[in-house]
């Protein structure tokens, strides 16, 4: 998806707002290149939607549109003075009503390859880590048992 300019991004967000919410989007929408682990966010104080451009480039169009619809749920509920946070009933109901996803799937470029696997000698709880863990210093978070490196 080649929506890397702000005008076409605003146009897309406004079209989705009219189609799914039957209300115009009247504030700003930007790409935020600093977003890493989320597809987008709504900033209530500024009434601004920020979107992760990597989702527009790396994922399919349906995923990116789902992120926009999710953020529009936050936006419209906030504007109307209703519960716009993830835990609010009104928010969850609007997600279902508009077919918006509750969470976005992780970017494939951010999926980490775990290099080290540790197992608790006592309860057999497994821990996957990218970096090594000092087994003399750290214990199992579940039962306080001793950790052992496997594989």
N, C-alpha and C. Protein backbone atom coordinates (compact mmCIF):
# COMPACT_ATOMS: atom_id res chain seq x y z
N UNK A 1 0.85 -1.18 0.00
CA UNK A 1 0.00 0.00 0.00
C UNK A 1 0.90 1.24 0.00
N UNK A 2 0.70 2.09 -0.95
CA UNK A 2 1.56 3.27 -1.07
C UNK A 2 0.84 4.53 -0.58
N UNK A 3 0.52 4.57 0.71
CA UNK A 3 -0.16 5.72 1.29
C UNK A 3 0.79 6.55 2.14
N UNK A 4 2.00 6.75 1.65
CA UNK A 4 2.97 7.41 2.49
C UNK A 4 2.89 8.93 2.48
N UNK A 5 1.89 9.51 1.84
CA UNK A 5 1.73 10.96 2.00
C UNK A 5 0.51 11.24 2.88
N UNK A 6 0.58 12.33 3.61
CA UNK A 6 -0.42 12.65 4.64
C UNK A 6 -1.80 12.96 4.06
N UNK A 7 -1.86 13.54 2.86
CA UNK A 7 -3.15 13.88 2.26
C UNK A 7 -3.96 12.64 1.94
N UNK A 8 -3.33 11.67 1.29
CA UNK A 8 -4.06 10.45 0.93
C UNK A 8 -4.39 9.63 2.18
N UNK A 9 -3.56 9.72 3.21
CA UNK A 9 -3.85 9.04 4.48
C UNK A 9 -5.10 9.65 5.12
N UNK A 10 -5.16 10.98 5.18
CA UNK A 10 -6.33 11.65 5.74
C UNK A 10 -7.59 11.28 4.96
N UNK A 11 -7.48 11.25 3.64
CA UNK A 11 -8.62 10.92 2.77
C UNK A 11 -9.12 9.51 3.08
N UNK A 12 -8.21 8.54 3.23
CA UNK A 12 -8.58 7.17 3.54
C UNK A 12 -9.27 7.08 4.91
N UNK A 13 -8.71 7.76 5.91
CA UNK A 13 -9.28 7.73 7.27
C UNK A 13 -10.68 8.35 7.25
N UNK A 14 -10.85 9.45 6.54
CA UNK A 14 -12.16 10.10 6.47
C UNK A 14 -13.18 9.22 5.75
N UNK A 15 -12.77 8.55 4.67
CA UNK A 15 -13.66 7.64 3.94
C UNK A 15 -14.10 6.48 4.83
N UNK A 16 -13.16 5.90 5.57
CA UNK A 16 -13.51 4.80 6.48
C UNK A 16 -14.42 5.29 7.60
N UNK A 17 -14.18 6.50 8.08
CA UNK A 17 -15.01 7.08 9.13
C UNK A 17 -16.45 7.25 8.65
N UNK A 18 -16.62 7.76 7.44
CA UNK A 18 -17.96 7.95 6.89
C UNK A 18 -18.64 6.61 6.61
N UNK A 19 -17.88 5.65 6.09
CA UNK A 19 -18.44 4.34 5.73
C UNK A 19 -18.89 3.54 6.95
N UNK A 20 -18.03 3.46 7.98
CA UNK A 20 -18.31 2.58 9.12
C UNK A 20 -18.96 3.29 10.31
N UNK A 21 -18.73 4.59 10.46
CA UNK A 21 -19.24 5.32 11.62
C UNK A 21 -20.29 6.36 11.24
N UNK A 22 -20.44 6.63 9.93
CA UNK A 22 -21.41 7.60 9.41
C UNK A 22 -21.19 9.00 9.99
N UNK A 23 -19.92 9.30 10.27
CA UNK A 23 -19.53 10.61 10.81
C UNK A 23 -18.19 10.99 10.18
N UNK A 24 -17.97 12.27 9.94
CA UNK A 24 -16.68 12.67 9.36
C UNK A 24 -15.56 12.66 10.39
N UNK A 25 -14.35 12.51 9.90
CA UNK A 25 -13.15 12.62 10.73
C UNK A 25 -12.63 14.04 10.55
N UNK A 26 -12.62 14.84 11.61
CA UNK A 26 -12.34 16.27 11.50
C UNK A 26 -10.98 16.70 12.03
N UNK A 27 -10.17 15.78 12.50
CA UNK A 27 -8.90 16.17 13.11
C UNK A 27 -7.72 15.60 12.31
N UNK A 28 -6.55 15.54 12.92
CA UNK A 28 -5.33 15.17 12.19
C UNK A 28 -5.01 13.69 12.32
N UNK A 29 -4.39 13.16 11.28
CA UNK A 29 -3.86 11.79 11.29
C UNK A 29 -2.46 11.85 10.69
N UNK A 30 -1.53 11.18 11.37
CA UNK A 30 -0.12 11.21 10.94
C UNK A 30 0.47 9.81 10.95
N UNK A 31 1.56 9.65 10.21
CA UNK A 31 2.41 8.48 10.36
C UNK A 31 3.45 8.82 11.41
N UNK A 32 3.62 7.94 12.38
CA UNK A 32 4.64 8.12 13.41
C UNK A 32 5.66 7.00 13.25
N UNK A 33 6.83 7.34 12.76
CA UNK A 33 7.88 6.35 12.48
C UNK A 33 8.52 5.80 13.75
N UNK A 34 8.25 6.41 14.90
CA UNK A 34 8.82 5.93 16.15
C UNK A 34 7.99 4.80 16.78
N UNK A 35 6.76 4.59 16.30
CA UNK A 35 5.95 3.50 16.84
C UNK A 35 6.61 2.17 16.47
N UNK A 36 6.75 1.29 17.45
CA UNK A 36 7.42 0.01 17.21
C UNK A 36 6.50 -1.19 17.39
N UNK A 37 5.83 -1.24 18.54
CA UNK A 37 5.09 -2.46 18.89
C UNK A 37 3.59 -2.33 18.70
N UNK A 38 3.13 -1.22 18.18
CA UNK A 38 1.70 -1.01 18.00
C UNK A 38 1.41 -0.51 16.59
N UNK A 39 0.22 -0.80 16.12
CA UNK A 39 -0.17 -0.37 14.77
C UNK A 39 -0.56 1.09 14.72
N UNK A 40 -1.05 1.61 15.84
CA UNK A 40 -1.46 3.01 15.89
C UNK A 40 -1.86 3.40 17.28
N UNK A 41 -2.13 4.69 17.46
CA UNK A 41 -2.62 5.16 18.75
C UNK A 41 -3.43 6.43 18.54
N UNK A 42 -4.37 6.63 19.48
CA UNK A 42 -5.19 7.83 19.48
C UNK A 42 -4.78 8.66 20.68
N UNK A 43 -4.49 9.94 20.46
CA UNK A 43 -4.08 10.84 21.53
C UNK A 43 -5.27 11.76 21.85
N UNK A 44 -6.01 11.49 22.93
CA UNK A 44 -7.22 12.25 23.25
C UNK A 44 -6.99 13.75 23.46
N UNK A 45 -5.89 14.14 24.08
CA UNK A 45 -5.64 15.55 24.37
C UNK A 45 -5.53 16.38 23.09
N UNK A 46 -4.99 15.79 22.04
CA UNK A 46 -4.81 16.50 20.77
C UNK A 46 -5.85 16.10 19.72
N UNK A 47 -6.60 15.03 20.01
CA UNK A 47 -7.55 14.44 19.05
C UNK A 47 -6.84 14.06 17.76
N UNK A 48 -5.69 13.42 17.91
CA UNK A 48 -4.84 13.03 16.79
C UNK A 48 -4.71 11.51 16.75
N UNK A 49 -4.74 10.96 15.54
CA UNK A 49 -4.47 9.53 15.34
C UNK A 49 -3.09 9.42 14.73
N UNK A 50 -2.25 8.58 15.34
CA UNK A 50 -0.91 8.31 14.80
C UNK A 50 -0.88 6.85 14.37
N UNK A 51 -0.34 6.60 13.19
CA UNK A 51 -0.29 5.25 12.64
C UNK A 51 1.15 4.83 12.35
N UNK A 52 1.42 3.56 12.53
CA UNK A 52 2.73 3.00 12.25
C UNK A 52 2.84 2.75 10.74
N UNK A 53 3.75 3.42 10.03
CA UNK A 53 3.85 3.26 8.58
C UNK A 53 4.29 1.87 8.14
N UNK A 54 4.95 1.14 9.04
CA UNK A 54 5.40 -0.21 8.68
C UNK A 54 4.22 -1.15 8.40
N UNK A 55 3.09 -0.91 9.06
CA UNK A 55 1.91 -1.73 8.79
C UNK A 55 1.36 -1.45 7.39
N UNK A 56 1.50 -0.23 6.92
CA UNK A 56 1.05 0.11 5.56
C UNK A 56 1.96 -0.53 4.52
N UNK A 57 3.24 -0.68 4.84
CA UNK A 57 4.21 -1.22 3.90
C UNK A 57 4.33 -2.74 3.95
N UNK A 58 4.39 -3.30 5.16
CA UNK A 58 4.69 -4.72 5.32
C UNK A 58 3.46 -5.63 5.35
N UNK A 59 2.35 -5.14 5.87
CA UNK A 59 1.16 -5.99 6.01
C UNK A 59 0.18 -5.72 4.87
N UNK A 60 -0.83 -6.59 4.78
CA UNK A 60 -1.83 -6.40 3.72
C UNK A 60 -2.76 -5.24 4.06
N UNK A 61 -3.48 -4.78 3.06
CA UNK A 61 -4.34 -3.61 3.19
C UNK A 61 -5.43 -3.81 4.25
N UNK A 62 -5.96 -5.02 4.35
CA UNK A 62 -7.02 -5.33 5.31
C UNK A 62 -6.55 -5.10 6.75
N UNK A 63 -5.32 -5.49 7.05
CA UNK A 63 -4.76 -5.31 8.39
C UNK A 63 -4.62 -3.81 8.72
N UNK A 64 -4.13 -3.04 7.77
CA UNK A 64 -3.94 -1.60 7.98
C UNK A 64 -5.28 -0.88 8.16
N UNK A 65 -6.27 -1.27 7.37
CA UNK A 65 -7.61 -0.68 7.49
C UNK A 65 -8.22 -1.04 8.84
N UNK A 66 -7.96 -2.26 9.31
CA UNK A 66 -8.44 -2.67 10.63
C UNK A 66 -7.86 -1.81 11.74
N UNK A 67 -6.59 -1.46 11.62
CA UNK A 67 -5.94 -0.59 12.61
C UNK A 67 -6.59 0.79 12.60
N UNK A 68 -6.84 1.32 11.42
CA UNK A 68 -7.48 2.64 11.30
C UNK A 68 -8.87 2.61 11.93
N UNK A 69 -9.65 1.56 11.65
CA UNK A 69 -11.00 1.44 12.22
C UNK A 69 -10.93 1.36 13.75
N UNK A 70 -9.94 0.64 14.28
CA UNK A 70 -9.77 0.53 15.73
C UNK A 70 -9.52 1.91 16.34
N UNK A 71 -8.63 2.68 15.73
CA UNK A 71 -8.32 4.02 16.24
C UNK A 71 -9.50 4.97 16.08
N UNK A 72 -10.29 4.78 15.02
CA UNK A 72 -11.49 5.59 14.84
C UNK A 72 -12.53 5.29 15.91
N UNK A 73 -12.57 4.07 16.40
CA UNK A 73 -13.46 3.74 17.52
C UNK A 73 -13.09 4.58 18.74
N UNK A 74 -11.80 4.64 19.06
CA UNK A 74 -11.33 5.49 20.16
C UNK A 74 -11.76 6.94 19.92
N UNK A 75 -11.49 7.42 18.72
CA UNK A 75 -11.74 8.82 18.35
C UNK A 75 -13.21 9.20 18.51
N UNK A 76 -14.11 8.46 17.85
CA UNK A 76 -15.52 8.84 17.85
C UNK A 76 -16.14 8.73 19.24
N UNK A 77 -15.77 7.71 20.00
CA UNK A 77 -16.31 7.59 21.36
C UNK A 77 -15.81 8.73 22.25
N UNK A 78 -14.55 9.12 22.09
CA UNK A 78 -14.00 10.23 22.87
C UNK A 78 -14.71 11.54 22.53
N UNK A 79 -14.93 11.79 21.26
CA UNK A 79 -15.60 13.01 20.80
C UNK A 79 -17.02 13.07 21.38
N UNK A 80 -17.69 11.90 21.46
CA UNK A 80 -19.07 11.85 21.98
C UNK A 80 -19.13 11.81 23.50
N UNK A 81 -17.98 11.77 24.16
CA UNK A 81 -17.96 11.75 25.62
C UNK A 81 -18.31 10.40 26.21
N UNK A 82 -18.12 9.33 25.44
CA UNK A 82 -18.41 7.98 25.92
C UNK A 82 -17.10 7.28 26.29
N UNK A 83 -17.22 6.07 26.81
CA UNK A 83 -16.03 5.30 27.20
C UNK A 83 -15.23 4.87 25.99
N UNK A 84 -14.04 5.41 25.81
CA UNK A 84 -13.23 5.15 24.62
C UNK A 84 -12.00 4.29 24.90
N UNK A 85 -11.81 3.85 26.14
CA UNK A 85 -10.64 3.06 26.49
C UNK A 85 -10.90 1.57 26.25
N UNK A 86 -9.83 0.80 26.14
CA UNK A 86 -9.95 -0.63 25.82
C UNK A 86 -10.86 -1.40 26.78
N UNK A 87 -10.87 -1.03 28.05
CA UNK A 87 -11.65 -1.78 29.02
C UNK A 87 -13.12 -1.39 29.05
N UNK A 88 -13.49 -0.30 28.38
CA UNK A 88 -14.87 0.20 28.42
C UNK A 88 -15.80 -0.64 27.55
N UNK A 89 -16.98 -0.87 28.08
CA UNK A 89 -17.98 -1.69 27.40
C UNK A 89 -18.37 -1.08 26.05
N UNK A 90 -18.58 0.25 26.03
CA UNK A 90 -18.98 0.94 24.80
C UNK A 90 -17.92 0.76 23.70
N UNK A 91 -16.66 0.79 24.10
CA UNK A 91 -15.57 0.62 23.13
C UNK A 91 -15.61 -0.78 22.53
N UNK A 92 -15.73 -1.79 23.39
CA UNK A 92 -15.75 -3.18 22.91
C UNK A 92 -16.96 -3.44 22.01
N UNK A 93 -18.09 -2.84 22.36
CA UNK A 93 -19.30 -3.00 21.54
C UNK A 93 -19.12 -2.36 20.16
N UNK A 94 -18.51 -1.18 20.11
CA UNK A 94 -18.30 -0.49 18.84
C UNK A 94 -17.30 -1.25 17.96
N UNK A 95 -16.32 -1.89 18.57
CA UNK A 95 -15.38 -2.72 17.80
C UNK A 95 -16.13 -3.82 17.07
N UNK A 96 -17.02 -4.50 17.77
CA UNK A 96 -17.80 -5.59 17.17
C UNK A 96 -18.73 -5.05 16.09
N UNK A 97 -19.40 -3.94 16.40
CA UNK A 97 -20.35 -3.32 15.48
C UNK A 97 -19.71 -2.92 14.15
N UNK A 98 -18.48 -2.41 14.20
CA UNK A 98 -17.80 -1.93 12.99
C UNK A 98 -16.86 -2.97 12.38
N UNK A 99 -16.73 -4.12 13.02
CA UNK A 99 -15.83 -5.17 12.51
C UNK A 99 -14.37 -4.80 12.66
N UNK A 100 -14.06 -4.05 13.69
CA UNK A 100 -12.67 -3.63 13.93
C UNK A 100 -11.96 -4.64 14.82
N UNK A 101 -10.66 -4.85 14.60
CA UNK A 101 -9.92 -5.81 15.44
C UNK A 101 -9.63 -5.22 16.82
N UNK A 102 -9.57 -6.10 17.82
CA UNK A 102 -9.23 -5.66 19.18
C UNK A 102 -7.73 -5.39 19.27
N UNK A 103 -6.93 -6.23 18.59
CA UNK A 103 -5.47 -6.10 18.58
C UNK A 103 -4.99 -6.25 17.14
N UNK A 104 -3.83 -5.68 16.84
CA UNK A 104 -3.25 -5.90 15.52
C UNK A 104 -2.21 -7.01 15.64
N UNK A 105 -2.01 -7.73 14.54
CA UNK A 105 -1.03 -8.81 14.61
C UNK A 105 0.39 -8.22 14.60
N UNK A 106 1.33 -8.91 15.25
CA UNK A 106 2.70 -8.38 15.30
C UNK A 106 3.34 -8.32 13.91
N UNK A 107 4.16 -7.34 13.69
CA UNK A 107 4.87 -7.22 12.42
C UNK A 107 5.83 -8.40 12.25
N UNK A 108 5.91 -8.93 11.05
CA UNK A 108 6.80 -10.05 10.80
C UNK A 108 8.27 -9.65 10.98
N UNK A 109 8.58 -8.37 10.73
CA UNK A 109 9.96 -7.91 10.89
C UNK A 109 10.35 -7.79 12.37
N UNK A 110 9.37 -7.82 13.29
CA UNK A 110 9.67 -7.70 14.71
C UNK A 110 9.61 -9.02 15.45
N UNK A 111 9.29 -10.10 14.74
CA UNK A 111 9.26 -11.40 15.41
C UNK A 111 10.69 -11.79 15.74
N UNK A 112 10.96 -12.00 17.01
CA UNK A 112 12.32 -12.28 17.43
C UNK A 112 12.61 -13.77 17.40
N UNK A 113 13.83 -14.08 17.11
CA UNK A 113 14.32 -15.45 17.12
C UNK A 113 14.96 -15.67 18.48
N UNK A 114 14.39 -16.57 19.26
CA UNK A 114 14.94 -16.85 20.58
C UNK A 114 16.17 -17.74 20.44
N UNK A 115 17.26 -17.32 21.05
CA UNK A 115 18.52 -18.06 20.93
C UNK A 115 18.75 -19.00 22.10
N UNK A 116 18.16 -18.68 23.26
CA UNK A 116 18.43 -19.46 24.47
C UNK A 116 17.11 -19.92 25.10
N UNK A 117 17.08 -21.17 25.52
CA UNK A 117 15.92 -21.71 26.22
C UNK A 117 16.38 -22.24 27.57
N UNK A 118 15.68 -21.79 28.60
CA UNK A 118 15.98 -22.23 29.96
C UNK A 118 14.78 -22.98 30.49
N UNK A 119 15.04 -23.95 31.37
CA UNK A 119 13.95 -24.69 32.00
C UNK A 119 14.21 -24.76 33.50
N UNK A 120 13.14 -24.66 34.27
CA UNK A 120 13.26 -24.76 35.72
C UNK A 120 13.44 -26.22 36.09
N UNK A 121 14.42 -26.50 36.93
CA UNK A 121 14.71 -27.88 37.34
C UNK A 121 13.61 -28.44 38.25
N UNK A 122 12.86 -27.54 38.88
CA UNK A 122 11.85 -27.97 39.85
C UNK A 122 10.46 -28.17 39.20
N UNK A 123 9.94 -27.13 38.53
CA UNK A 123 8.57 -27.20 38.00
C UNK A 123 8.51 -27.37 36.47
N UNK A 124 9.66 -27.38 35.80
CA UNK A 124 9.78 -27.59 34.35
C UNK A 124 9.22 -26.42 33.51
N UNK A 125 9.05 -25.25 34.13
CA UNK A 125 8.61 -24.05 33.40
C UNK A 125 9.70 -23.66 32.41
N UNK A 126 9.30 -23.35 31.17
CA UNK A 126 10.25 -23.03 30.11
C UNK A 126 10.31 -21.52 29.89
N UNK A 127 11.51 -21.00 29.68
CA UNK A 127 11.73 -19.58 29.40
C UNK A 127 12.56 -19.45 28.14
N UNK A 128 12.05 -18.70 27.15
CA UNK A 128 12.79 -18.45 25.91
C UNK A 128 13.32 -17.02 25.97
N UNK A 129 14.60 -16.87 25.70
CA UNK A 129 15.25 -15.56 25.79
C UNK A 129 16.15 -15.31 24.59
N UNK A 130 16.23 -14.04 24.20
CA UNK A 130 17.15 -13.63 23.14
C UNK A 130 18.56 -13.53 23.71
N UNK A 131 18.67 -12.98 24.92
CA UNK A 131 19.98 -12.83 25.57
C UNK A 131 20.17 -13.92 26.62
N UNK A 132 21.43 -14.16 26.94
CA UNK A 132 21.75 -15.15 27.97
C UNK A 132 21.33 -14.65 29.35
N UNK A 133 21.02 -15.59 30.24
CA UNK A 133 20.61 -15.28 31.60
C UNK A 133 21.63 -15.89 32.55
N UNK A 134 22.02 -15.14 33.57
CA UNK A 134 22.94 -15.65 34.58
C UNK A 134 22.14 -16.56 35.51
N UNK A 135 22.35 -17.88 35.37
CA UNK A 135 21.56 -18.86 36.14
C UNK A 135 21.95 -18.89 37.62
N UNK A 136 23.09 -18.31 37.96
CA UNK A 136 23.49 -18.22 39.37
C UNK A 136 22.72 -17.09 40.07
N UNK A 137 22.35 -16.08 39.27
CA UNK A 137 21.69 -14.89 39.82
C UNK A 137 20.16 -14.97 39.74
N UNK A 138 19.61 -15.54 38.64
CA UNK A 138 18.17 -15.54 38.41
C UNK A 138 17.55 -16.92 38.67
N UNK A 139 16.30 -16.90 39.15
CA UNK A 139 15.55 -18.11 39.48
C UNK A 139 14.24 -18.13 38.71
N UNK A 140 13.53 -19.22 38.81
CA UNK A 140 12.22 -19.38 38.18
C UNK A 140 11.24 -18.40 38.83
N UNK A 141 10.46 -17.72 38.00
CA UNK A 141 9.48 -16.76 38.50
C UNK A 141 8.25 -17.43 39.07
N UNK A 142 8.09 -18.71 38.79
CA UNK A 142 6.91 -19.43 39.24
C UNK A 142 7.12 -20.08 40.61
N UNK A 143 8.27 -20.77 40.76
CA UNK A 143 8.48 -21.54 42.00
C UNK A 143 9.80 -21.24 42.68
N UNK A 144 10.59 -20.32 42.14
CA UNK A 144 11.90 -19.94 42.67
C UNK A 144 12.94 -21.04 42.50
N UNK A 145 12.66 -22.01 41.63
CA UNK A 145 13.60 -23.12 41.38
C UNK A 145 14.79 -22.67 40.55
N UNK A 146 15.80 -23.54 40.46
CA UNK A 146 17.02 -23.24 39.72
C UNK A 146 16.78 -23.43 38.22
N UNK A 147 17.37 -22.52 37.40
CA UNK A 147 17.24 -22.58 35.96
C UNK A 147 18.40 -23.31 35.32
N UNK A 148 18.11 -24.03 34.24
CA UNK A 148 19.14 -24.73 33.48
C UNK A 148 18.99 -24.41 32.00
N UNK A 149 20.11 -24.17 31.32
CA UNK A 149 20.12 -23.89 29.91
C UNK A 149 19.95 -25.20 29.15
N UNK A 150 19.01 -25.23 28.19
CA UNK A 150 18.85 -26.41 27.33
C UNK A 150 19.00 -25.99 25.88
N UNK A 151 19.36 -26.93 25.04
CA UNK A 151 19.47 -26.67 23.58
C UNK A 151 20.51 -25.75 23.27
